[in-house]
Amino acid sequence: MSNVLTVNGTIAPGPTVFNATVNPQQKSAERNGNGTLIRETLPDKWSIDCEWEFGTPQEFYNWFNTLRTLTRINFPVSFPAPSGVIETATFYISPISCTMINFAVGASGWWKPMKCSFVEV
C-alpha cells in the first residue's frame, strides 16, 4: 500500500503525524416506549489530522501557500486508510496552524510544525 497523501491532485509532502478518524454520523436517536434506542444513521465521514516539519523555510512557505488556496473550496483527498486501502473522498480544510520558532530565519521567520485538519463534507 502506498503512503502517499494526495490533496486536490497534488502529492503532499510526507506528514510527520498522520491521524485518520472515522466519524460515525447519526441523524436522530430516541427511545421508544419500551426503552429501546432507535437510531437513524448516516454514512460515516473521515477526518484527517496532519502535521509537517520541513527542512527549509521555503519548503514550509510553499506547502503553506498550497494549503491556503484550499480554504474556500471542497477538494478531493486520497489517503492511506486504516482499512488497508487508499480512500478518496471530498474534504474541506480547517484550520491551518503554525508555530514560529525563530523570527530571524527565512523571508518571514522559521515556522514548525504546520498542522491542519481535512474534514470530509
N, C-alpha and C. Protein backbone atom coordinates (compact mmCIF):
# COMPACT_ATOMS: atom_id res chain seq x y z
N MET A 1 0.84 -1.17 0.00
CA MET A 1 0.00 0.00 0.00
C MET A 1 0.89 1.24 0.00
N SER A 2 0.46 2.21 -0.74
CA SER A 2 1.21 3.46 -0.83
C SER A 2 0.91 4.34 0.38
N ASN A 3 1.92 5.06 0.84
CA ASN A 3 1.73 6.00 1.94
C ASN A 3 1.61 7.43 1.44
N VAL A 4 1.17 7.58 0.20
CA VAL A 4 1.09 8.89 -0.41
C VAL A 4 -0.25 9.55 -0.09
N LEU A 5 -0.17 10.78 0.34
CA LEU A 5 -1.34 11.63 0.57
C LEU A 5 -1.44 12.57 -0.61
N THR A 6 -2.55 12.54 -1.33
CA THR A 6 -2.76 13.42 -2.48
C THR A 6 -3.89 14.37 -2.14
N VAL A 7 -3.59 15.67 -2.22
CA VAL A 7 -4.53 16.72 -1.85
C VAL A 7 -4.84 17.56 -3.08
N ASN A 8 -6.07 17.51 -3.55
CA ASN A 8 -6.51 18.28 -4.72
C ASN A 8 -5.58 18.04 -5.92
N GLY A 9 -5.15 16.79 -6.10
CA GLY A 9 -4.31 16.42 -7.22
C GLY A 9 -2.82 16.62 -7.01
N THR A 10 -2.42 17.20 -5.87
CA THR A 10 -1.02 17.44 -5.56
C THR A 10 -0.54 16.42 -4.54
N ILE A 11 0.59 15.77 -4.82
CA ILE A 11 1.16 14.84 -3.85
C ILE A 11 1.73 15.66 -2.70
N ALA A 12 1.24 15.41 -1.52
CA ALA A 12 1.64 16.18 -0.33
C ALA A 12 2.99 15.69 0.17
N PRO A 13 3.75 16.60 0.78
CA PRO A 13 4.95 16.13 1.48
C PRO A 13 4.52 15.14 2.57
N GLY A 14 5.36 14.19 2.85
CA GLY A 14 5.01 13.20 3.87
C GLY A 14 4.82 13.84 5.23
N PRO A 15 3.63 13.72 5.82
CA PRO A 15 3.43 14.31 7.15
C PRO A 15 4.21 13.55 8.22
N THR A 16 4.66 14.27 9.24
CA THR A 16 5.33 13.63 10.36
C THR A 16 4.32 13.01 11.31
N VAL A 17 3.10 13.54 11.32
CA VAL A 17 1.99 12.97 12.09
C VAL A 17 0.81 12.86 11.15
N PHE A 18 0.16 11.70 11.15
CA PHE A 18 -0.99 11.45 10.29
C PHE A 18 -2.00 10.67 11.10
N ASN A 19 -3.17 11.24 11.30
CA ASN A 19 -4.19 10.59 12.11
C ASN A 19 -5.51 10.58 11.34
N ALA A 20 -5.96 9.42 10.90
CA ALA A 20 -7.23 9.28 10.19
C ALA A 20 -8.29 8.78 11.16
N THR A 21 -9.43 9.45 11.17
CA THR A 21 -10.51 9.11 12.09
C THR A 21 -11.80 8.88 11.31
N VAL A 22 -12.49 7.78 11.59
CA VAL A 22 -13.83 7.55 11.03
C VAL A 22 -14.83 8.12 12.02
N ASN A 23 -15.68 9.00 11.52
CA ASN A 23 -16.69 9.64 12.36
C ASN A 23 -18.06 9.08 12.03
N PRO A 24 -18.63 8.19 12.85
CA PRO A 24 -19.99 7.73 12.62
C PRO A 24 -20.96 8.90 12.75
N GLN A 25 -21.93 8.95 11.86
CA GLN A 25 -22.89 10.05 11.84
C GLN A 25 -24.28 9.49 12.16
N GLN A 26 -25.03 10.24 12.93
CA GLN A 26 -26.41 9.84 13.14
C GLN A 26 -27.32 11.04 12.98
N LYS A 27 -28.47 10.80 12.41
CA LYS A 27 -29.45 11.86 12.18
C LYS A 27 -30.31 12.07 13.41
N SER A 28 -30.69 10.98 14.04
CA SER A 28 -31.52 11.10 15.24
C SER A 28 -31.38 9.85 16.09
N ALA A 29 -31.71 10.00 17.35
CA ALA A 29 -31.73 8.87 18.27
C ALA A 29 -32.77 9.16 19.33
N GLU A 30 -33.65 8.22 19.53
CA GLU A 30 -34.67 8.38 20.58
C GLU A 30 -35.08 7.00 21.08
N ARG A 31 -35.63 6.97 22.25
CA ARG A 31 -36.07 5.72 22.84
C ARG A 31 -37.58 5.56 22.61
N ASN A 32 -37.97 4.32 22.32
CA ASN A 32 -39.40 4.05 22.16
C ASN A 32 -40.02 3.79 23.53
N GLY A 33 -41.28 3.44 23.58
CA GLY A 33 -41.99 3.21 24.83
C GLY A 33 -41.41 2.08 25.66
N ASN A 34 -40.71 1.13 25.03
CA ASN A 34 -40.09 0.02 25.75
C ASN A 34 -38.68 0.34 26.23
N GLY A 35 -38.18 1.54 25.90
CA GLY A 35 -36.84 1.94 26.31
C GLY A 35 -35.75 1.54 25.33
N THR A 36 -36.14 0.97 24.17
CA THR A 36 -35.15 0.59 23.16
C THR A 36 -34.71 1.83 22.38
N LEU A 37 -33.42 1.98 22.21
CA LEU A 37 -32.89 3.11 21.47
C LEU A 37 -33.06 2.87 19.98
N ILE A 38 -33.70 3.82 19.28
CA ILE A 38 -33.90 3.76 17.84
C ILE A 38 -33.03 4.86 17.23
N ARG A 39 -32.06 4.44 16.41
CA ARG A 39 -31.15 5.41 15.79
C ARG A 39 -31.34 5.42 14.28
N GLU A 40 -31.30 6.61 13.70
CA GLU A 40 -31.25 6.75 12.25
C GLU A 40 -29.83 7.21 11.92
N THR A 41 -29.10 6.36 11.20
CA THR A 41 -27.69 6.66 10.94
C THR A 41 -27.50 7.19 9.52
N LEU A 42 -26.40 7.91 9.34
CA LEU A 42 -25.97 8.45 8.06
C LEU A 42 -24.62 7.82 7.72
N PRO A 43 -24.15 8.00 6.49
CA PRO A 43 -22.84 7.43 6.15
C PRO A 43 -21.72 8.00 7.03
N ASP A 44 -20.74 7.15 7.34
CA ASP A 44 -19.58 7.59 8.11
C ASP A 44 -18.79 8.62 7.31
N LYS A 45 -18.10 9.50 8.02
CA LYS A 45 -17.27 10.54 7.41
C LYS A 45 -15.86 10.46 7.99
N TRP A 46 -14.86 10.82 7.19
CA TRP A 46 -13.47 10.82 7.62
C TRP A 46 -13.04 12.21 8.07
N SER A 47 -12.13 12.24 8.99
CA SER A 47 -11.36 13.46 9.27
C SER A 47 -9.90 13.02 9.38
N ILE A 48 -9.01 13.88 8.88
CA ILE A 48 -7.59 13.57 8.85
C ILE A 48 -6.83 14.74 9.48
N ASP A 49 -6.05 14.43 10.50
CA ASP A 49 -5.19 15.44 11.13
C ASP A 49 -3.76 15.17 10.67
N CYS A 50 -3.11 16.22 10.15
CA CYS A 50 -1.74 16.09 9.66
C CYS A 50 -0.85 17.13 10.32
N GLU A 51 0.42 16.79 10.42
CA GLU A 51 1.42 17.71 10.94
C GLU A 51 2.68 17.53 10.10
N TRP A 52 3.30 18.66 9.71
CA TRP A 52 4.51 18.62 8.88
C TRP A 52 5.61 19.42 9.54
N GLU A 53 6.85 18.97 9.32
CA GLU A 53 8.05 19.73 9.63
C GLU A 53 8.91 19.70 8.39
N PHE A 54 9.48 20.84 8.03
CA PHE A 54 10.24 20.97 6.79
C PHE A 54 11.68 21.32 7.08
N GLY A 55 12.57 20.96 6.13
CA GLY A 55 13.99 21.22 6.28
C GLY A 55 14.40 22.66 6.03
N THR A 56 13.60 23.38 5.24
CA THR A 56 13.92 24.77 4.94
C THR A 56 12.67 25.64 5.07
N PRO A 57 12.87 26.94 5.33
CA PRO A 57 11.71 27.82 5.37
C PRO A 57 10.95 27.83 4.03
N GLN A 58 11.65 27.77 2.91
CA GLN A 58 10.97 27.84 1.61
C GLN A 58 10.06 26.65 1.39
N GLU A 59 10.49 25.44 1.78
CA GLU A 59 9.61 24.27 1.68
C GLU A 59 8.35 24.49 2.50
N PHE A 60 8.50 25.06 3.68
CA PHE A 60 7.37 25.37 4.55
C PHE A 60 6.43 26.35 3.86
N TYR A 61 6.98 27.47 3.37
CA TYR A 61 6.16 28.51 2.72
C TYR A 61 5.41 27.93 1.53
N ASN A 62 6.07 27.10 0.73
CA ASN A 62 5.43 26.53 -0.46
C ASN A 62 4.21 25.69 -0.08
N TRP A 63 4.35 24.81 0.92
CA TRP A 63 3.23 23.95 1.29
C TRP A 63 2.13 24.75 1.99
N PHE A 64 2.51 25.71 2.84
CA PHE A 64 1.51 26.55 3.48
C PHE A 64 0.67 27.27 2.43
N ASN A 65 1.32 27.85 1.44
CA ASN A 65 0.58 28.58 0.41
C ASN A 65 -0.29 27.67 -0.44
N THR A 66 0.15 26.43 -0.67
CA THR A 66 -0.69 25.46 -1.37
C THR A 66 -1.94 25.16 -0.55
N LEU A 67 -1.76 24.89 0.74
CA LEU A 67 -2.92 24.60 1.61
C LEU A 67 -3.86 25.80 1.69
N ARG A 68 -3.29 26.97 1.73
CA ARG A 68 -4.11 28.18 1.87
C ARG A 68 -5.04 28.39 0.68
N THR A 69 -4.65 27.92 -0.50
CA THR A 69 -5.52 28.06 -1.68
C THR A 69 -6.78 27.20 -1.55
N LEU A 70 -6.79 26.27 -0.59
CA LEU A 70 -7.91 25.33 -0.44
C LEU A 70 -8.93 25.78 0.60
N THR A 71 -8.73 26.92 1.25
CA THR A 71 -9.57 27.28 2.38
C THR A 71 -11.01 27.62 2.01
N ARG A 72 -11.30 27.90 0.76
CA ARG A 72 -12.67 28.29 0.39
C ARG A 72 -13.35 27.30 -0.56
N ILE A 73 -12.73 26.14 -0.75
CA ILE A 73 -13.30 25.16 -1.68
C ILE A 73 -13.34 23.77 -1.04
N ASN A 74 -14.12 22.89 -1.64
CA ASN A 74 -14.09 21.47 -1.33
C ASN A 74 -13.19 20.81 -2.36
N PHE A 75 -12.44 19.79 -1.98
CA PHE A 75 -11.44 19.21 -2.87
C PHE A 75 -11.25 17.74 -2.53
N PRO A 76 -10.75 16.94 -3.51
CA PRO A 76 -10.53 15.52 -3.25
C PRO A 76 -9.22 15.28 -2.50
N VAL A 77 -9.24 14.28 -1.63
CA VAL A 77 -8.04 13.81 -0.94
C VAL A 77 -8.03 12.30 -1.05
N SER A 78 -6.88 11.75 -1.45
CA SER A 78 -6.65 10.30 -1.43
C SER A 78 -5.64 10.04 -0.34
N PHE A 79 -5.92 9.05 0.50
CA PHE A 79 -5.07 8.82 1.67
C PHE A 79 -5.08 7.35 2.05
N PRO A 80 -3.98 6.90 2.67
CA PRO A 80 -3.96 5.52 3.17
C PRO A 80 -4.86 5.43 4.41
N ALA A 81 -5.80 4.52 4.37
CA ALA A 81 -6.77 4.38 5.47
C ALA A 81 -6.43 3.18 6.34
N PRO A 82 -6.88 3.20 7.59
CA PRO A 82 -6.65 2.05 8.48
C PRO A 82 -7.32 0.77 8.00
N SER A 83 -8.20 0.88 7.01
CA SER A 83 -8.86 -0.30 6.44
C SER A 83 -7.94 -1.10 5.52
N GLY A 84 -6.74 -0.53 5.21
CA GLY A 84 -5.80 -1.23 4.35
C GLY A 84 -5.92 -0.86 2.88
N VAL A 85 -6.74 0.13 2.57
CA VAL A 85 -6.90 0.57 1.18
C VAL A 85 -6.66 2.08 1.11
N ILE A 86 -6.51 2.57 -0.12
CA ILE A 86 -6.43 4.01 -0.33
C ILE A 86 -7.86 4.51 -0.49
N GLU A 87 -8.28 5.40 0.39
CA GLU A 87 -9.61 6.00 0.33
C GLU A 87 -9.51 7.32 -0.41
N THR A 88 -10.57 7.70 -1.11
CA THR A 88 -10.67 9.01 -1.74
C THR A 88 -12.03 9.59 -1.38
N ALA A 89 -12.02 10.83 -0.92
CA ALA A 89 -13.27 11.49 -0.55
C ALA A 89 -13.09 12.99 -0.76
N THR A 90 -14.18 13.73 -0.63
CA THR A 90 -14.16 15.18 -0.77
C THR A 90 -14.09 15.81 0.61
N PHE A 91 -13.18 16.76 0.78
CA PHE A 91 -12.89 17.37 2.08
C PHE A 91 -12.90 18.89 1.99
N TYR A 92 -12.92 19.52 3.15
CA TYR A 92 -12.54 20.92 3.29
C TYR A 92 -11.43 20.97 4.32
N ILE A 93 -10.71 22.09 4.38
CA ILE A 93 -9.57 22.21 5.30
C ILE A 93 -9.92 23.18 6.41
N SER A 94 -9.59 22.80 7.65
CA SER A 94 -9.83 23.69 8.77
C SER A 94 -9.22 23.11 10.03
N PRO A 95 -8.53 23.84 10.78
CA PRO A 95 -7.79 25.06 10.47
C PRO A 95 -6.38 24.71 10.02
N ILE A 96 -5.61 25.71 9.63
CA ILE A 96 -4.18 25.55 9.38
C ILE A 96 -3.49 26.33 10.49
N SER A 97 -2.62 25.66 11.24
CA SER A 97 -1.92 26.37 12.32
C SER A 97 -0.42 26.13 12.21
N CYS A 98 0.33 27.15 12.62
CA CYS A 98 1.79 27.11 12.54
C CYS A 98 2.37 27.79 13.78
N THR A 99 3.52 27.31 14.22
CA THR A 99 4.19 27.88 15.38
C THR A 99 5.54 28.44 14.94
N MET A 100 5.78 29.73 15.23
CA MET A 100 7.07 30.32 14.88
C MET A 100 8.10 29.94 15.94
N ILE A 101 9.27 29.48 15.46
CA ILE A 101 10.32 29.13 16.41
C ILE A 101 11.52 30.07 16.33
N ASN A 102 11.64 30.84 15.21
CA ASN A 102 12.75 31.78 15.08
C ASN A 102 12.37 32.84 14.08
N PHE A 103 12.24 34.07 14.53
CA PHE A 103 11.82 35.16 13.66
C PHE A 103 12.90 35.55 12.66
N ALA A 104 14.17 35.30 12.94
CA ALA A 104 15.28 35.81 12.15
C ALA A 104 15.68 34.91 10.97
N VAL A 105 14.94 33.86 10.67
CA VAL A 105 15.32 32.93 9.61
C VAL A 105 14.33 33.02 8.45
N GLY A 106 14.83 32.99 7.22
CA GLY A 106 13.95 32.99 6.05
C GLY A 106 13.30 34.34 5.82
N ALA A 107 12.38 34.37 4.87
CA ALA A 107 11.72 35.63 4.49
C ALA A 107 10.83 36.17 5.61
N SER A 108 10.20 35.29 6.35
CA SER A 108 9.30 35.77 7.42
C SER A 108 9.37 34.87 8.64
N GLY A 109 10.55 34.38 8.95
CA GLY A 109 10.70 33.56 10.14
C GLY A 109 10.73 32.08 9.83
N TRP A 110 11.08 31.31 10.85
CA TRP A 110 11.16 29.86 10.75
C TRP A 110 10.00 29.30 11.55
N TRP A 111 9.16 28.57 10.88
CA TRP A 111 7.94 28.04 11.46
C TRP A 111 7.99 26.52 11.48
N LYS A 112 7.62 25.92 12.57
CA LYS A 112 7.38 24.48 12.60
C LYS A 112 6.77 24.12 13.93
N PRO A 113 5.92 23.21 13.99
CA PRO A 113 5.35 22.47 12.87
C PRO A 113 4.16 23.22 12.25
N MET A 114 3.71 22.70 11.12
CA MET A 114 2.48 23.15 10.48
C MET A 114 1.46 22.03 10.68
N LYS A 115 0.25 22.40 11.07
CA LYS A 115 -0.80 21.40 11.31
C LYS A 115 -2.06 21.82 10.58
N CYS A 116 -2.83 20.83 10.14
CA CYS A 116 -4.16 21.12 9.60
C CYS A 116 -5.03 19.88 9.73
N SER A 117 -6.31 20.12 9.57
CA SER A 117 -7.28 19.03 9.55
C SER A 117 -8.04 19.07 8.25
N PHE A 118 -8.22 17.90 7.65
CA PHE A 118 -9.08 17.74 6.49
C PHE A 118 -10.35 17.07 7.00
N VAL A 119 -11.51 17.64 6.69
CA VAL A 119 -12.78 17.14 7.18
C VAL A 119 -13.67 16.80 5.98
N GLU A 120 -14.15 15.56 5.93
CA GLU A 120 -14.98 15.14 4.80
C GLU A 120 -16.31 15.88 4.82
N VAL A 121 -16.74 16.32 3.62
CA VAL A 121 -18.02 17.03 3.53
C VAL A 121 -19.16 16.06 3.42
